[in-house]
Structure formats: C-alpha cells, structure tokens
C-alpha atoms as a PDB file:
ATOM      1  CA  MET A   1     161.103 -80.773-103.733  1.00  0.00           C
ATOM      2  CA  HIS A   2     164.342 -79.575-103.240  1.00  0.00           C
ATOM      3  CA  ILE A   3     166.266 -81.281-100.139  1.00  0.00           C
ATOM      4  CA  LEU A   4     169.117 -80.242 -98.390  1.00  0.00           C
ATOM      5  CA  VAL A   5     171.602 -83.162 -97.340  1.00  0.00           C
ATOM      6  CA  LEU A   6     173.780 -82.893 -94.688  1.00  0.00           C
ATOM      7  CA  GLN A   7     176.579 -85.556 -95.053  1.00  0.00           C
ATOM      8  CA  HIS A   8     179.604 -86.441 -92.496  1.00  0.00           C
ATOM      9  CA  GLU A   9     181.733 -88.732 -95.090  1.00  0.00           C
ATOM     10  CA  ARG A  10     181.923 -88.608 -98.621  1.00  0.00           C
ATOM     11  CA  VAL A  11     180.417 -91.910 -99.092  1.00  0.00           C
ATOM     12  CA  GLY A  12     177.756 -91.671 -96.213  1.00  0.00           C
ATOM     13  CA  HIS A  13     175.234 -90.403 -99.130  1.00  0.00           C
ATOM     14  CA  PRO A  14     171.806 -91.022 -98.901  1.00  0.00           C
ATOM     15  CA  GLY A  15     172.490 -94.611-101.286  1.00  0.00           C
ATOM     16  CA  ILE A  16     169.793 -95.843-102.689  1.00  0.00           C
ATOM     17  CA  PHE A  17     167.298 -93.015-101.988  1.00  0.00           C
ATOM     18  CA  ARG A  18     168.953 -90.743-104.682  1.00  0.00           C
ATOM     19  CA  ASP A  19     167.423 -93.324-107.191  1.00  0.00           C
ATOM     20  CA  PHE A  20     164.357 -92.309-105.900  1.00  0.00           C
ATOM     21  CA  LEU A  21     164.860 -88.657-105.524  1.00  0.00           C
ATOM     22  CA  ARG A  22     165.957 -88.944-109.282  1.00  0.00           C
ATOM     23  CA  GLU A  23     162.795 -91.111-110.986  1.00  0.00           C
ATOM     24  CA  ASP A  24     160.610 -88.776-108.995  1.00  0.00           C
ATOM     25  CA  GLY A  25     162.163 -85.391-110.197  1.00  0.00           C
ATOM     26  CA  HIS A  26     163.295 -83.977-106.660  1.00  0.00           C
ATOM     27  CA  THR A  27     166.577 -82.797-106.724  1.00  0.00           C
ATOM     28  CA  TYR A  28     169.027 -82.530-103.739  1.00  0.00           C
ATOM     29  CA  VAL A  29     172.120 -80.681-102.449  1.00  0.00           C
ATOM     30  CA  ALA A  30     174.812 -82.434-100.307  1.00  0.00           C
ATOM     31  CA  ILE A  31     177.047 -80.280 -97.566  1.00  0.00           C
ATOM     32  CA  GLU A  32     180.000 -82.399 -96.709  1.00  0.00           C
ATOM     33  CA  LEU A  33     180.225 -80.990 -93.042  1.00  0.00           C
ATOM     34  CA  ASP A  34     183.373 -82.819 -92.220  1.00  0.00           C
ATOM     35  CA  GLU A  35     185.271 -81.292 -95.378  1.00  0.00           C
ATOM     36  CA  GLY A  36     184.747 -77.923 -94.093  1.00  0.00           C
ATOM     37  CA  GLU A  37     181.661 -76.911 -96.142  1.00  0.00           C
ATOM     38  CA  SER A  38     179.323 -74.589 -94.135  1.00  0.00           C
ATOM     39  CA  LEU A  39     175.905 -74.700 -93.557  1.00  0.00           C
ATOM     40  CA  PRO A  40     173.584 -72.359 -95.093  1.00  0.00           C
ATOM     41  CA  GLU A  41     172.562 -69.533 -93.212  1.00  0.00           C
ATOM     42  CA  SER A  42     168.723 -70.865 -93.204  1.00  0.00           C
ATOM     43  CA  MET A  43     166.474 -73.601 -95.052  1.00  0.00           C
ATOM     44  CA  GLU A  44     165.274 -70.710 -97.046  1.00  0.00           C
ATOM     45  CA  GLY A  45     164.925 -72.465-100.793  1.00  0.00           C
ATOM     46  CA  TYR A  46     164.787 -76.092 -99.530  1.00  0.00           C
ATOM     47  CA  ASP A  47     161.612 -78.243 -98.872  1.00  0.00           C
ATOM     48  CA  ALA A  48     163.235 -81.016 -96.352  1.00  0.00           C
ATOM     49  CA  LEU A  49     166.490 -81.846 -94.556  1.00  0.00           C
ATOM     50  CA  TRP A  50     168.285 -85.327 -94.566  1.00  0.00           C
ATOM     51  CA  VAL A  51     170.851 -85.987 -92.476  1.00  0.00           C
ATOM     52  CA  MET A  52     173.293 -88.801 -93.001  1.00  0.00           C
ATOM     53  CA  GLY A  53     175.218 -91.215 -91.079  1.00  0.00           C
ATOM     54  CA  GLY A  54     179.071 -90.622 -90.401  1.00  0.00           C
ATOM     55  CA  PRO A  55     182.219 -92.087 -88.385  1.00  0.00           C
ATOM     56  CA  MET A  56     181.923 -89.350 -85.426  1.00  0.00           C
ATOM     57  CA  ASP A  57     179.796 -89.107 -82.254  1.00  0.00           C
ATOM     58  CA  THR A  58     177.431 -86.415 -81.445  1.00  0.00           C
ATOM     59  CA  TRP A  59     179.507 -85.398 -78.313  1.00  0.00           C
ATOM     60  CA  GLN A  60     182.901 -84.996 -80.097  1.00  0.00           C
ATOM     61  CA  GLU A  61     182.529 -81.563 -80.333  1.00  0.00           C
ATOM     62  CA  ASP A  62     185.786 -80.685 -79.404  1.00  0.00           C
ATOM     63  CA  ILE A  63     187.480 -82.905 -82.288  1.00  0.00           C
ATOM     64  CA  HIS A  64     184.518 -81.893 -84.655  1.00  0.00           C
ATOM     65  CA  PRO A  65     183.444 -78.533 -83.533  1.00  0.00           C
ATOM     66  CA  TRP A  66     181.020 -78.068 -86.521  1.00  0.00           C
ATOM     67  CA  LEU A  67     178.724 -80.354 -84.609  1.00  0.00           C
ATOM     68  CA  VAL A  68     177.323 -77.495 -82.339  1.00  0.00           C
ATOM     69  CA  ALA A  69     176.176 -75.500 -85.394  1.00  0.00           C
ATOM     70  CA  GLU A  70     174.706 -78.471 -86.859  1.00  0.00           C
ATOM     71  CA  LYS A  71     172.743 -79.401 -84.026  1.00  0.00           C
ATOM     72  CA  ALA A  72     171.143 -75.631 -83.847  1.00  0.00           C
ATOM     73  CA  PHE A  73     170.770 -75.683 -87.220  1.00  0.00           C
ATOM     74  CA  ILE A  74     168.796 -79.379 -86.786  1.00  0.00           C
ATOM     75  CA  ARG A  75     166.759 -77.588 -83.886  1.00  0.00           C
ATOM     76  CA  ASP A  76     165.794 -74.462 -85.948  1.00  0.00           C
ATOM     77  CA  ALA A  77     164.703 -76.490 -88.696  1.00  0.00           C
ATOM     78  CA  VAL A  78     162.524 -79.223 -87.274  1.00  0.00           C
ATOM     79  CA  GLN A  79     161.589 -77.395 -83.855  1.00  0.00           C
ATOM     80  CA  GLU A  80     161.350 -73.969 -84.993  1.00  0.00           C
ATOM     81  CA  LYS A  81     160.402 -74.095 -88.779  1.00  0.00           C
ATOM     82  CA  GLY A  82     158.581 -77.444 -88.758  1.00  0.00           C
ATOM     83  CA  VAL A  83     160.935 -78.471 -91.680  1.00  0.00           C
ATOM     84  CA  PRO A  84     160.397 -82.154 -92.709  1.00  0.00           C
ATOM     85  CA  TYR A  85     163.116 -84.382 -91.391  1.00  0.00           C
ATOM     86  CA  LEU A  86     164.722 -87.546 -92.655  1.00  0.00           C
ATOM     87  CA  GLY A  87     167.907 -89.083 -90.527  1.00  0.00           C
ATOM     88  CA  PHE A  88     170.066 -92.248 -90.595  1.00  0.00           C
ATOM     89  CA  CYS A  89     172.430 -93.446 -87.801  1.00  0.00           C
ATOM     90  CA  LEU A  90     174.295 -90.305 -86.855  1.00  0.00           C
ATOM     91  CA  GLY A  91     171.465 -88.264 -88.298  1.00  0.00           C
ATOM     92  CA  HIS A  92     169.102 -90.293 -85.881  1.00  0.00           C
ATOM     93  CA  GLN A  93     171.017 -89.353 -83.397  1.00  0.00           C
ATOM     94  CA  LEU A  94     171.935 -85.612 -83.659  1.00  0.00           C
ATOM     95  CA  LEU A  95     168.085 -85.380 -84.010  1.00  0.00           C
ATOM     96  CA  ALA A  96     167.368 -86.688 -80.653  1.00  0.00           C
ATOM     97  CA  GLU A  97     170.472 -84.415 -79.023  1.00  0.00           C
ATOM     98  CA  ALA A  98     169.081 -81.353 -80.948  1.00  0.00           C
ATOM     99  CA  LEU A  99     165.728 -81.587 -79.704  1.00  0.00           C
ATOM    100  CA  GLY A 100     166.730 -82.307 -76.105  1.00  0.00           C
ATOM    101  CA  GLY A 101     167.351 -86.037 -75.870  1.00  0.00           C
ATOM    102  CA  LYS A 102     170.529 -87.481 -75.082  1.00  0.00           C
ATOM    103  CA  VAL A 103     173.163 -90.054 -76.744  1.00  0.00           C
ATOM    104  CA  GLY A 104     175.741 -92.026 -75.229  1.00  0.00           C
ATOM    105  CA  PRO A 105     178.125 -95.280 -76.057  1.00  0.00           C
ATOM    106  CA  SER A 106     176.213 -98.614 -77.130  1.00  0.00           C
ATOM    107  CA  LYS A 107     176.325-101.158 -74.233  1.00  0.00           C
ATOM    108  CA  THR A 108     176.154-103.413 -77.126  1.00  0.00           C
ATOM    109  CA  PRO A 109     177.338-102.300 -80.491  1.00  0.00           C
ATOM    110  CA  GLU A 110     174.927-103.398 -83.489  1.00  0.00           C
ATOM    111  CA  ILE A 111     177.302-104.418 -86.690  1.00  0.00           C
ATOM    112  CA  GLY A 112     175.631-106.667 -88.926  1.00  0.00           C
ATOM    113  CA  VAL A 113     172.389-107.683 -90.620  1.00  0.00           C
ATOM    114  CA  MET A 114     169.893-107.741 -87.512  1.00  0.00           C
ATOM    115  CA  ASP A 115     166.411-107.824 -86.683  1.00  0.00           C
ATOM    116  CA  VAL A 116     164.508-104.353 -85.873  1.00  0.00           C
ATOM    117  CA  TYR A 117     160.622-104.595 -84.270  1.00  0.00           C
ATOM    118  CA  LEU A 118     158.242-102.174 -84.807  1.00  0.00           C
ATOM    119  CA  THR A 119     156.376-100.730 -81.564  1.00  0.00           C
ATOM    120  CA  GLU A 120     152.591-100.396 -81.517  1.00  0.00           C
ATOM    121  CA  ALA A 121     153.304 -96.563 -82.483  1.00  0.00           C
ATOM    122  CA  GLY A 122     155.626 -97.700 -85.567  1.00  0.00           C
ATOM    123  CA  ALA A 123     153.221-100.594 -86.670  1.00  0.00           C
ATOM    124  CA  SER A 124     150.345 -98.064 -86.521  1.00  0.00           C
ATOM    125  CA  GLY A 125     151.647 -95.087 -88.144  1.00  0.00           C
ATOM    126  CA  VAL A 126     152.438 -93.946 -91.686  1.00  0.00           C
ATOM    127  CA  PHE A 127     156.127 -93.963 -91.842  1.00  0.00           C
ATOM    128  CA  PHE A 128     156.486 -98.064 -91.503  1.00  0.00           C
ATOM    129  CA  ASP A 129     153.263 -98.762 -93.460  1.00  0.00           C
ATOM    130  CA  GLY A 130     153.782-101.669 -95.932  1.00  0.00           C
ATOM    131  CA  LEU A 131     156.508-103.049 -93.605  1.00  0.00           C
ATOM    132  CA  PRO A 132     156.651-106.372 -91.563  1.00  0.00           C
ATOM    133  CA  GLU A 133     156.851-106.192 -88.163  1.00  0.00           C
ATOM    134  CA  LYS A 134     160.086-107.704 -87.626  1.00  0.00           C
ATOM    135  CA  PHE A 135     162.560-107.202 -90.395  1.00  0.00           C
ATOM    136  CA  ASP A 136     166.386-107.388 -90.927  1.00  0.00           C
ATOM    137  CA  CYS A 137     168.287-104.502 -91.598  1.00  0.00           C
ATOM    138  CA  LEU A 138     172.188-103.356 -91.652  1.00  0.00           C
ATOM    139  CA  GLN A 139     173.176-102.029 -88.419  1.00  0.00           C
ATOM    140  CA  TRP A 140     176.855-100.367 -87.896  1.00  0.00           C
ATOM    141  CA  HIS A 141     176.585 -98.271 -84.678  1.00  0.00           C
ATOM    142  CA  SER A 142     178.777 -97.976 -81.615  1.00  0.00           C
ATOM    143  CA  ALA A 143     176.243 -95.213 -80.188  1.00  0.00           C
ATOM    144  CA  GLU A 144     172.844 -94.920 -79.488  1.00  0.00           C
ATOM    145  CA  VAL A 145     169.912 -92.639 -78.089  1.00  0.00           C
ATOM    146  CA  THR A 146     169.748 -93.460 -74.888  1.00  0.00           C
ATOM    147  CA  GLU A 147     167.209 -90.521 -73.792  1.00  0.00           C
ATOM    148  CA  LEU A 148     164.157 -89.434 -75.551  1.00  0.00           C
ATOM    149  CA  PRO A 149     163.425 -85.729 -76.434  1.00  0.00           C
ATOM    150  CA  PRO A 150     160.463 -84.464 -74.952  1.00  0.00           C
ATOM    151  CA  GLY A 151     157.460 -85.094 -77.306  1.00  0.00           C
ATOM    152  CA  ALA A 152     159.498 -88.105 -79.364  1.00  0.00           C
ATOM    153  CA  GLN A 153     157.883 -91.458 -80.256  1.00  0.00           C
ATOM    154  CA  VAL A 154     159.615 -94.392 -80.473  1.00  0.00           C
ATOM    155  CA  LEU A 155     158.678 -96.385 -83.855  1.00  0.00           C
ATOM    156  CA  ALA A 156     161.052 -99.408 -83.685  1.00  0.00           C
ATOM    157  CA  THR A 157     163.381-101.295 -81.179  1.00  0.00           C
ATOM    158  CA  SER A 158     165.651-103.890 -80.945  1.00  0.00           C
ATOM    159  CA  PRO A 159     167.220-106.243 -78.095  1.00  0.00           C
ATOM    160  CA  ASP A 160     170.309-104.027 -77.810  1.00  0.00           C
ATOM    161  CA  CYS A 161     169.104-100.615 -79.173  1.00  0.00           C
ATOM    162  CA  ALA A 162     165.806 -99.503 -77.573  1.00  0.00           C
ATOM    163  CA  VAL A 163     165.295 -96.570 -80.103  1.00  0.00           C
ATOM    164  CA  GLN A 164     165.768 -97.953 -83.507  1.00  0.00           C
ATOM    165  CA  ALA A 165     163.502 -95.094 -85.032  1.00  0.00           C
ATOM    166  CA  LEU A 166     161.631 -92.232 -83.762  1.00  0.00           C
ATOM    167  CA  LYS A 167     159.219 -89.671 -84.608  1.00  0.00           C
ATOM    168  CA  TRP A 168     158.990 -86.106 -83.360  1.00  0.00           C
ATOM    169  CA  GLY A 169     156.057 -83.770 -84.066  1.00  0.00           C
ATOM    170  CA  THR A 170     154.279 -84.647 -87.562  1.00  0.00           C
ATOM    171  CA  ARG A 171     156.999 -84.283 -90.041  1.00  0.00           C
ATOM    172  CA  ALA A 172     160.559 -85.542 -88.229  1.00  0.00           C
ATOM    173  CA  PHE A 173     161.483 -89.118 -88.807  1.00  0.00           C
ATOM    174  CA  SER A 174     164.797 -91.098 -88.267  1.00  0.00           C
ATOM    175  CA  THR A 175     166.265 -94.766 -87.733  1.00  0.00           C
ATOM    176  CA  GLN A 176     169.243 -95.908 -86.283  1.00  0.00           C
ATOM    177  CA  PHE A 177     169.574 -98.324 -88.836  1.00  0.00           C
ATOM    178  CA  HIS A 178     170.693 -98.324 -92.609  1.00  0.00           C
ATOM    179  CA  ILE A 179     168.041 -99.159 -95.195  1.00  0.00           C
ATOM    180  CA  GLU A 180     169.688 -96.723 -97.549  1.00  0.00           C
ATOM    181  CA  ILE A 181     172.403 -99.392 -98.572  1.00  0.00           C
ATOM    182  CA  GLU A 182     173.618-100.270-102.139  1.00  0.00           C
ATOM    183  CA  SER A 183     175.697-103.036-103.584  1.00  0.00           C
ATOM    184  CA  ASP A 184     178.814-101.297-102.772  1.00  0.00           C
ATOM    185  CA  THR A 185     177.854-100.139 -99.213  1.00  0.00           C
ATOM    186  CA  VAL A 186     179.676-102.616 -96.886  1.00  0.00           C
ATOM    187  CA  GLN A 187     183.021-102.079 -98.810  1.00  0.00           C
ATOM    188  CA  LEU A 188     182.821 -98.372 -98.941  1.00  0.00           C
ATOM    189  CA  TRP A 189     182.368 -97.752 -95.445  1.00  0.00           C
ATOM    190  CA  ASN A 190     184.759-100.563 -94.285  1.00  0.00           C
ATOM    191  CA  ASN A 191     187.422 -98.378 -96.109  1.00  0.00           C
ATOM    192  CA  ILE A 192     186.433 -95.903 -93.203  1.00  0.00           C
ATOM    193  CA  PRO A 193     188.968 -96.584 -90.398  1.00  0.00           C
ATOM    194  CA  GLU A 194     186.477 -95.673 -87.609  1.00  0.00           C
ATOM    195  CA  TYR A 195     183.803 -98.157 -89.359  1.00  0.00           C
ATOM    196  CA  ALA A 196     186.316-100.659 -89.880  1.00  0.00           C
ATOM    197  CA  GLY A 197     187.596-100.480 -86.541  1.00  0.00           C
ATOM    198  CA  ALA A 198     184.563-100.997 -84.915  1.00  0.00           C
ATOM    199  CA  LEU A 199     183.689-103.732 -87.056  1.00  0.00           C
ATOM    200  CA  ASP A 200     186.603-105.982 -86.119  1.00  0.00           C
ATOM    201  CA  LYS A 201     186.012-105.264 -82.368  1.00  0.00           C
ATOM    202  CA  ALA A 202     182.255-106.427 -83.101  1.00  0.00           C
ATOM    203  CA  ILE A 203     182.321-109.012 -85.225  1.00  0.00           C
ATOM    204  CA  GLY A 204     186.193-109.495 -86.603  1.00  0.00           C
ATOM    205  CA  LYS A 205     187.232-108.360 -89.909  1.00  0.00           C
ATOM    206  CA  GLU A 206     187.550-111.495 -91.015  1.00  0.00           C
ATOM    207  CA  ASN A 207     183.729-111.366 -91.157  1.00  0.00           C
ATOM    208  CA  VAL A 208     183.554-108.527 -93.627  1.00  0.00           C
ATOM    209  CA  ASP A 209     183.106-110.630 -96.883  1.00  0.00           C
ATOM    210  CA  LYS A 210     180.399-112.341 -94.846  1.00  0.00           C
ATOM    211  CA  LEU A 211     178.632-109.297 -93.528  1.00  0.00           C
ATOM    212  CA  GLU A 212     179.135-108.141 -97.570  1.00  0.00           C
ATOM    213  CA  ALA A 213     177.561-111.231 -98.599  1.00  0.00           C
ATOM    214  CA  ASP A 214     174.741-111.097 -96.156  1.00  0.00           C
ATOM    215  CA  CYS A 215     173.604-107.919 -97.574  1.00  0.00           C
ATOM    216  CA  ALA A 216     173.862-108.750-101.286  1.00  0.00           C
ATOM    217  CA  ASP A 217     171.451-111.836-100.402  1.00  0.00           C
ATOM    218  CA  ARG A 218     169.092-109.153 -98.991  1.00  0.00           C
ATOM    219  CA  MET A 219     169.508-106.360-101.311  1.00  0.00           C
ATOM    220  CA  GLU A 220     166.303-106.532-103.018  1.00  0.00           C
ATOM    221  CA  THR A 221     164.276-106.956-100.192  1.00  0.00           C
ATOM    222  CA  PHE A 222     166.174-103.707 -98.385  1.00  0.00           C
ATOM    223  CA  ASN A 223     165.830-101.508-101.452  1.00  0.00           C
ATOM    224  CA  ALA A 224     161.925-102.575-101.750  1.00  0.00           C
ATOM    225  CA  MET A 225     161.792-101.635 -97.990  1.00  0.00           C
ATOM    226  CA  ALA A 226     163.887 -98.334 -98.553  1.00  0.00           C
ATOM    227  CA  GLU A 227     161.453 -97.433-101.331  1.00  0.00           C
ATOM    228  CA  ARG A 228     158.366 -98.048 -99.413  1.00  0.00           C
ATOM    229  CA  LEU A 229     159.985 -95.856 -96.541  1.00  0.00           C
ATOM    230  CA  TYR A 230     160.447 -93.332 -98.949  1.00  0.00           C
ATOM    231  CA  ILE A 231     157.194 -93.242-100.317  1.00  0.00           C
ATOM    232  CA  ASN A 232     155.856 -92.974 -96.559  1.00  0.00           C
ATOM    233  CA  TRP A 233     158.115 -90.483 -95.617  1.00  0.00           C
ATOM    234  CA  LEU A 234     156.897 -88.132 -98.570  1.00  0.00           C
ATOM    235  CA  GLN A 235     153.414 -88.849 -97.542  1.00  0.00           C
ATOM    236  CA  ALA A 236     153.689 -88.242 -93.644  1.00  0.00           C
ATOM    237  CA  THR A 237     155.450 -85.050 -94.077  1.00  0.00           C
ATOM    238  CA  ALA A 238     153.388 -83.681 -97.283  1.00  0.00           C
ATOM    239  CA  LYS A 239     151.603 -80.147 -95.846  1.00  0.00           C
ATOM    240  CA  THR A 240     147.988 -80.501 -95.480  1.00  0.00           C
END
C-alpha cells in the first residue's frame, strides 16, 4: 500500500503508525500543506489518504487558503473515488466538513488524558474491534464536529465531545482523539504556540510535565491500541 499523508505541522506526523507501516512494507508520502507544498492533481498512484492534526481550524480559510483545496480534495477522494481514509483531530474535522457536516469551537476544550466511550455502532463494528468500550487517550483540541455529514455514524463519544470518532461509507474513518502518539509527542506539540496556548488556557502550563508523565505511564497501552486500530483500519478498508 502506498499512502498519501496530508500534514499541517512538521511534527504532526503519523507517529507510531510510521513503525507499523514500515514493518508491513507499506510506504507513504507526506505533503506539508502549512509550508506551501501542493496537493497532487489526483489520488492516482496512491491507495489511501491519511489526514493528520494541526494547530489551525477548519474555518480559517482566510489565514490558510489551502484549506479550501484540501477539503475539496478530501471530498473527491472519499465521496467520489471511494479512497480509504484515516483522519486524526483536524483530519477528523476536515472529513466531516468536506462531506457536508459542520465544525465549530468546543464548548469545553479537551486537553489531557481523558476517557472515550464507544457507541453501539463503534462497539459492534470492525474499526474498534478488540478495544475496550471505555478507554483513555490523549485529547488536545478546542474545536469539534458539531453536525455530522449525511450518512455518517458516530463510533465513539465523550461527555464534552459528542463525535469522538466517525465512519462514513465503508472506507472512511476518523478520530478526534490522538492514538498515534509517541514518547516525545507532548513535548514536541507543546512547542507549537497554538497548542501551548490552548493547553495553558485549559489546564495551565504548569501541568505540561504531568500530561507528559500521564502519557508515559500509558504509552505501552496507547501504542498497543494504536496497532490494533491500524490493523482494524486495514481490514475495514480492504477491497472485497
């Protein structure tokens, strides 16, 4: 499999998923949209589209005009071409908006290690197979999906964010939370001004070390869940 990865920050890469891809012999090309790199003309030559997180919001098209083309690209790939899709955080929100849903500021931003709950659809489906119906994970977002696109299913939820994971069609999946993290993720993301500002506002900058320690304590479990999710995504999106 050869995957196109859209990134919005140099350190906002696929994280631990890079190890899984390498071990399985898959390859990927990352396009850094925030640095002015261009989208390809089409998905020809690629087998899947992954869209990562980033410090910008989906509605900031005046500041980041490339968001317009990115949404159109996602819509064409997923809705028109049926390309397998995996999105995280901003990539989750962009999928929803590209397909006709809505995204807005969170009433209660989620930053920290927090619980997520599978819905009935999530617990009975392939994407979260083997994961517990309640699990904790890293959250770092101040925006969320406020209206689902037509035909989408909610696979996971939390008290402060109704759409923690969604499925559209049979081959597009995304999560608001971060399951791709590695040991240096918190440190690297806290060097991004927008992320650091959001963290300071939500939990106080003095709690960065605690957040890093909380993630470190759970890293083995986080990575195991990530690997299971990766395997499940491959299975769920495989051509039949």
